[in-house]
Amino acid sequence: MKGVVEETEKQVCHVNMLQFDRMYHTYIHMEDVEHSELLFIQQLQLYGEELCPLNGIISYEERRTQCDIHPRDEEDSEEDNNVPYI
């Protein structure tokens, strides 16, 4: 049962990061601004929800949101287009 819970937490984290990525990239595009660490942190605070159910540290690397507990790898990016919003 523990493996199912861990996998579910990972999936929730990945879906939340994908949703935040889309919101963040839309904001950057619509406001015609470039990414900065300060802007990213501000947008995380405005988002108002924890992205990771285990309170992982969220960062922005290689044009996408990352969690230190549930890192997204190249295989995850292929799945991103098929992940529904929760």
C-alpha atoms as a PDB file:
ATOM      1  CA  MET A   1       0.000   0.000   0.000  1.00  0.00           C
ATOM      2  CA  LYS A   2       2.886   2.351   0.778  1.00  0.00           C
ATOM      3  CA  GLY A   3       4.085   2.204  -2.835  1.00  0.00           C
ATOM      4  CA  VAL A   4       0.653   3.290  -4.077  1.00  0.00           C
ATOM      5  CA  VAL A   5       0.616   6.291  -1.730  1.00  0.00           C
ATOM      6  CA  GLU A   6       4.125   7.344  -2.773  1.00  0.00           C
ATOM      7  CA  GLU A   7       3.264   7.024  -6.468  1.00  0.00           C
ATOM      8  CA  THR A   8       0.066   9.033  -5.965  1.00  0.00           C
ATOM      9  CA  GLU A   9       1.972  11.792  -4.144  1.00  0.00           C
ATOM     10  CA  LYS A  10       4.481  11.895  -7.005  1.00  0.00           C
ATOM     11  CA  GLN A  11       1.716  12.096  -9.612  1.00  0.00           C
ATOM     12  CA  VAL A  12      -0.097  14.861  -7.718  1.00  0.00           C
ATOM     13  CA  CYS A  13       3.157  16.818  -7.462  1.00  0.00           C
ATOM     14  CA  HIS A  14       3.851  16.400 -11.200  1.00  0.00           C
ATOM     15  CA  VAL A  15       0.339  17.452 -12.216  1.00  0.00           C
ATOM     16  CA  ASN A  16       0.516  20.489  -9.925  1.00  0.00           C
ATOM     17  CA  MET A  17       3.902  21.467 -11.366  1.00  0.00           C
ATOM     18  CA  LEU A  18       2.564  21.089 -14.898  1.00  0.00           C
ATOM     19  CA  GLN A  19      -0.425  23.281 -14.095  1.00  0.00           C
ATOM     20  CA  PHE A  20       1.817  25.896 -12.484  1.00  0.00           C
ATOM     21  CA  ASP A  21       4.214  25.759 -15.472  1.00  0.00           C
ATOM     22  CA  ARG A  22       1.366  26.531 -17.828  1.00  0.00           C
ATOM     23  CA  MET A  23       0.160  29.403 -15.668  1.00  0.00           C
ATOM     24  CA  TYR A  24       3.682  30.800 -15.254  1.00  0.00           C
ATOM     25  CA  HIS A  25       4.534  30.583 -18.966  1.00  0.00           C
ATOM     26  CA  THR A  26       1.221  32.217 -19.850  1.00  0.00           C
ATOM     27  CA  TYR A  27       1.974  35.043 -17.412  1.00  0.00           C
ATOM     28  CA  ILE A  28       5.468  35.567 -18.872  1.00  0.00           C
ATOM     29  CA  HIS A  29       4.060  35.625 -22.394  1.00  0.00           C
ATOM     30  CA  MET A  30       1.093  37.881 -21.667  1.00  0.00           C
ATOM     31  CA  GLU A  31       3.135  40.371 -19.620  1.00  0.00           C
ATOM     32  CA  ASP A  32       6.033  40.210 -22.112  1.00  0.00           C
ATOM     33  CA  VAL A  33       8.607  39.705 -19.359  1.00  0.00           C
ATOM     34  CA  GLU A  34      11.516  37.315 -18.990  1.00  0.00           C
ATOM     35  CA  HIS A  35      11.910  34.696 -16.307  1.00  0.00           C
ATOM     36  CA  SER A  36      13.793  35.712 -13.186  1.00  0.00           C
ATOM     37  CA  GLU A  37      14.158  33.938  -9.877  1.00  0.00           C
ATOM     38  CA  LEU A  38      12.349  36.790  -8.126  1.00  0.00           C
ATOM     39  CA  LEU A  39       9.419  36.677 -10.575  1.00  0.00           C
ATOM     40  CA  PHE A  40       9.188  32.900 -10.191  1.00  0.00           C
ATOM     41  CA  ILE A  41       9.087  33.160  -6.389  1.00  0.00           C
ATOM     42  CA  GLN A  42       6.446  35.900  -6.561  1.00  0.00           C
ATOM     43  CA  GLN A  43       4.274  33.773  -8.837  1.00  0.00           C
ATOM     44  CA  LEU A  44       4.669  30.758  -6.526  1.00  0.00           C
ATOM     45  CA  GLN A  45       3.477  32.899  -3.618  1.00  0.00           C
ATOM     46  CA  LEU A  46       0.545  34.248  -5.632  1.00  0.00           C
ATOM     47  CA  TYR A  47      -0.403  30.704  -6.650  1.00  0.00           C
ATOM     48  CA  GLY A  48      -1.280  30.176  -3.012  1.00  0.00           C
ATOM     49  CA  GLU A  49      -1.130  26.389  -2.951  1.00  0.00           C
ATOM     50  CA  GLU A  50       1.580  23.898  -2.192  1.00  0.00           C
ATOM     51  CA  LEU A  51       2.638  22.171  -5.391  1.00  0.00           C
ATOM     52  CA  CYS A  52       4.116  19.157  -3.640  1.00  0.00           C
ATOM     53  CA  PRO A  53       2.037  17.181  -1.122  1.00  0.00           C
ATOM     54  CA  LEU A  54       5.262  16.528   0.826  1.00  0.00           C
ATOM     55  CA  ASN A  55       6.276  20.225   0.803  1.00  0.00           C
ATOM     56  CA  GLY A  56       9.230  19.729  -1.514  1.00  0.00           C
ATOM     57  CA  ILE A  57      11.404  22.699  -2.462  1.00  0.00           C
ATOM     58  CA  ILE A  58      10.191  24.050  -5.801  1.00  0.00           C
ATOM     59  CA  SER A  59      12.601  25.562  -8.322  1.00  0.00           C
ATOM     60  CA  TYR A  60      12.665  26.497 -12.001  1.00  0.00           C
ATOM     61  CA  GLU A  61      15.213  24.643 -14.121  1.00  0.00           C
ATOM     62  CA  GLU A  62      15.474  24.260 -17.876  1.00  0.00           C
ATOM     63  CA  ARG A  63      12.192  26.110 -18.466  1.00  0.00           C
ATOM     64  CA  ARG A  64      10.085  24.020 -16.113  1.00  0.00           C
ATOM     65  CA  THR A  65       9.157  23.718 -12.470  1.00  0.00           C
ATOM     66  CA  GLN A  66      11.042  21.104 -10.460  1.00  0.00           C
ATOM     67  CA  CYS A  67      10.548  19.563  -7.028  1.00  0.00           C
ATOM     68  CA  ASP A  68      13.521  18.364  -4.995  1.00  0.00           C
ATOM     69  CA  ILE A  69      11.516  15.350  -3.761  1.00  0.00           C
ATOM     70  CA  HIS A  70       9.755  14.448  -7.033  1.00  0.00           C
ATOM     71  CA  PRO A  71      12.062  15.553  -9.869  1.00  0.00           C
ATOM     72  CA  ARG A  72      10.647  15.412 -13.378  1.00  0.00           C
ATOM     73  CA  ASP A  73      12.826  13.692 -15.943  1.00  0.00           C
ATOM     74  CA  GLU A  74      12.647  13.538 -19.745  1.00  0.00           C
ATOM     75  CA  GLU A  75      10.064  10.740 -19.642  1.00  0.00           C
ATOM     76  CA  ASP A  76       7.784  12.973 -17.572  1.00  0.00           C
ATOM     77  CA  SER A  77       7.914  15.743 -20.163  1.00  0.00           C
ATOM     78  CA  GLU A  78       6.521  13.354 -22.792  1.00  0.00           C
ATOM     79  CA  GLU A  79       3.604  12.552 -20.479  1.00  0.00           C
ATOM     80  CA  ASP A  80       2.913  16.235 -19.723  1.00  0.00           C
ATOM     81  CA  ASN A  81       0.729  16.641 -22.792  1.00  0.00           C
ATOM     82  CA  ASN A  82      -1.556  13.853 -21.622  1.00  0.00           C
ATOM     83  CA  VAL A  83      -1.995  14.891 -17.979  1.00  0.00           C
ATOM     84  CA  PRO A  84      -5.465  16.257 -17.201  1.00  0.00           C
ATOM     85  CA  TYR A  85      -5.957  19.192 -14.840  1.00  0.00           C
ATOM     86  CA  ILE A  86      -7.104  18.250 -11.364  1.00  0.00           C
END
